[in-house]
């Protein structure tokens, strides 16, 4: 296996008014190549973890991720939201 560099990471804010009940838990989509069939979803819960790898399950989580990404604030708006929240807790 070859690692091609550091993983891509970003942080984006979501306004409180925009929530997704199906995203009330964390999930990670692990990509192991160009083929979608190689992808696995990692779900971590309070007492357990699961690794759905069926193509239909991976597609469902990929669609959820796409919806969350589309609803997220942009980089400038996310920074403003995070600064505002940080100032509220000072």
C-alpha atoms as a PDB file:
ATOM      1  CA  UNK A   1       0.000   0.000   0.000  1.00  0.00           C
ATOM      2  CA  UNK A   2       1.271   3.450  -0.886  1.00  0.00           C
ATOM      3  CA  UNK A   3       0.303   6.556   1.022  1.00  0.00           C
ATOM      4  CA  UNK A   4       0.090   9.498  -1.361  1.00  0.00           C
ATOM      5  CA  UNK A   5       0.340  12.261   1.190  1.00  0.00           C
ATOM      6  CA  UNK A   6      -1.488  13.609   4.189  1.00  0.00           C
ATOM      7  CA  UNK A   7      -5.253  13.096   4.278  1.00  0.00           C
ATOM      8  CA  UNK A   8      -7.364  15.998   3.113  1.00  0.00           C
ATOM      9  CA  UNK A   9      -9.117  17.674   6.025  1.00  0.00           C
ATOM     10  CA  UNK A  10     -11.364  20.650   6.353  1.00  0.00           C
ATOM     11  CA  UNK A  11     -13.664  22.097   8.948  1.00  0.00           C
ATOM     12  CA  UNK A  12     -16.959  23.684   7.973  1.00  0.00           C
ATOM     13  CA  UNK A  13     -19.671  25.153  10.134  1.00  0.00           C
ATOM     14  CA  UNK A  14     -23.381  24.410   9.915  1.00  0.00           C
ATOM     15  CA  UNK A  15     -25.921  26.954  11.118  1.00  0.00           C
ATOM     16  CA  UNK A  16     -28.038  25.657  14.009  1.00  0.00           C
ATOM     17  CA  UNK A  17     -31.193  25.969  11.912  1.00  0.00           C
ATOM     18  CA  UNK A  18     -29.848  23.467   9.399  1.00  0.00           C
ATOM     19  CA  UNK A  19     -29.604  20.051  10.986  1.00  0.00           C
ATOM     20  CA  UNK A  20     -29.765  16.527   9.669  1.00  0.00           C
ATOM     21  CA  UNK A  21     -31.149  13.985  12.107  1.00  0.00           C
ATOM     22  CA  UNK A  22     -29.419  11.214  10.178  1.00  0.00           C
ATOM     23  CA  UNK A  23     -26.085  12.898  10.840  1.00  0.00           C
ATOM     24  CA  UNK A  24     -26.374  12.931  14.620  1.00  0.00           C
ATOM     25  CA  UNK A  25     -23.523  10.426  14.731  1.00  0.00           C
ATOM     26  CA  UNK A  26     -20.018  10.417  13.337  1.00  0.00           C
ATOM     27  CA  UNK A  27     -19.004   8.488  10.274  1.00  0.00           C
ATOM     28  CA  UNK A  28     -15.929   8.266   8.097  1.00  0.00           C
ATOM     29  CA  UNK A  29     -15.775   7.124   4.498  1.00  0.00           C
ATOM     30  CA  UNK A  30     -12.509   5.264   3.961  1.00  0.00           C
ATOM     31  CA  UNK A  31     -11.325   5.244   0.360  1.00  0.00           C
ATOM     32  CA  UNK A  32      -8.896   2.522  -0.675  1.00  0.00           C
ATOM     33  CA  UNK A  33      -8.573   3.272  -4.351  1.00  0.00           C
ATOM     34  CA  UNK A  34     -10.406   4.564  -7.375  1.00  0.00           C
ATOM     35  CA  UNK A  35     -13.078   1.866  -7.268  1.00  0.00           C
ATOM     36  CA  UNK A  36     -16.142   2.688  -5.149  1.00  0.00           C
ATOM     37  CA  UNK A  37     -16.382  -1.044  -4.406  1.00  0.00           C
ATOM     38  CA  UNK A  38     -13.204  -0.694  -2.318  1.00  0.00           C
ATOM     39  CA  UNK A  39     -14.720   1.979  -0.032  1.00  0.00           C
ATOM     40  CA  UNK A  40     -15.774   1.238   3.535  1.00  0.00           C
ATOM     41  CA  UNK A  41     -17.782   3.335   5.995  1.00  0.00           C
ATOM     42  CA  UNK A  42     -16.575   3.464   9.594  1.00  0.00           C
ATOM     43  CA  UNK A  43     -19.327   4.087  12.146  1.00  0.00           C
ATOM     44  CA  UNK A  44     -18.416   4.633  15.755  1.00  0.00           C
ATOM     45  CA  UNK A  45     -21.139   4.522  18.392  1.00  0.00           C
ATOM     46  CA  UNK A  46     -21.133   4.839  22.152  1.00  0.00           C
ATOM     47  CA  UNK A  47     -20.527   1.121  22.719  1.00  0.00           C
ATOM     48  CA  UNK A  48     -19.462  -0.305  19.369  1.00  0.00           C
ATOM     49  CA  UNK A  49     -18.226   0.295  15.843  1.00  0.00           C
ATOM     50  CA  UNK A  50     -19.340  -1.011  12.468  1.00  0.00           C
ATOM     51  CA  UNK A  51     -17.757  -1.139   9.011  1.00  0.00           C
ATOM     52  CA  UNK A  52     -20.473  -1.339   6.336  1.00  0.00           C
ATOM     53  CA  UNK A  53     -18.881  -2.116   2.985  1.00  0.00           C
ATOM     54  CA  UNK A  54     -21.869  -3.054   0.850  1.00  0.00           C
ATOM     55  CA  UNK A  55     -21.958  -0.759  -2.201  1.00  0.00           C
ATOM     56  CA  UNK A  56     -25.499   0.387  -1.366  1.00  0.00           C
ATOM     57  CA  UNK A  57     -24.514   1.387   2.178  1.00  0.00           C
ATOM     58  CA  UNK A  58     -21.393   3.189   0.974  1.00  0.00           C
ATOM     59  CA  UNK A  59     -23.464   5.072  -1.638  1.00  0.00           C
ATOM     60  CA  UNK A  60     -26.007   6.097   1.035  1.00  0.00           C
ATOM     61  CA  UNK A  61     -23.270   7.539   3.270  1.00  0.00           C
ATOM     62  CA  UNK A  62     -21.615   9.204   0.284  1.00  0.00           C
ATOM     63  CA  UNK A  63     -24.943  10.891  -0.581  1.00  0.00           C
ATOM     64  CA  UNK A  64     -25.332  11.976   3.065  1.00  0.00           C
ATOM     65  CA  UNK A  65     -21.814  13.444   3.005  1.00  0.00           C
ATOM     66  CA  UNK A  66     -22.634  15.277  -0.229  1.00  0.00           C
ATOM     67  CA  UNK A  67     -25.776  16.791   1.369  1.00  0.00           C
ATOM     68  CA  UNK A  68     -23.847  17.847   4.465  1.00  0.00           C
ATOM     69  CA  UNK A  69     -21.108  19.388   2.334  1.00  0.00           C
ATOM     70  CA  UNK A  70     -23.647  21.274   0.202  1.00  0.00           C
ATOM     71  CA  UNK A  71     -25.383  22.652   3.328  1.00  0.00           C
ATOM     72  CA  UNK A  72     -22.154  23.671   5.062  1.00  0.00           C
ATOM     73  CA  UNK A  73     -21.033  27.260   5.293  1.00  0.00           C
ATOM     74  CA  UNK A  74     -18.146  28.356   3.116  1.00  0.00           C
ATOM     75  CA  UNK A  75     -14.635  28.878   4.550  1.00  0.00           C
ATOM     76  CA  UNK A  76     -15.118  32.576   5.387  1.00  0.00           C
ATOM     77  CA  UNK A  77     -18.557  32.078   6.931  1.00  0.00           C
ATOM     78  CA  UNK A  78     -17.323  29.043   8.891  1.00  0.00           C
ATOM     79  CA  UNK A  79     -14.448  31.049  10.387  1.00  0.00           C
ATOM     80  CA  UNK A  80     -16.870  33.837  11.358  1.00  0.00           C
ATOM     81  CA  UNK A  81     -19.222  31.330  13.005  1.00  0.00           C
ATOM     82  CA  UNK A  82     -16.396  29.654  14.926  1.00  0.00           C
ATOM     83  CA  UNK A  83     -14.998  33.005  16.102  1.00  0.00           C
ATOM     84  CA  UNK A  84     -18.471  34.073  17.219  1.00  0.00           C
ATOM     85  CA  UNK A  85     -18.961  30.837  19.149  1.00  0.00           C
ATOM     86  CA  UNK A  86     -15.499  31.128  20.726  1.00  0.00           C
ATOM     87  CA  UNK A  87     -16.258  34.694  21.828  1.00  0.00           C
ATOM     88  CA  UNK A  88     -19.521  33.519  23.430  1.00  0.00           C
ATOM     89  CA  UNK A  89     -17.714  31.076  25.708  1.00  0.00           C
ATOM     90  CA  UNK A  90     -14.926  33.430  26.830  1.00  0.00           C
END
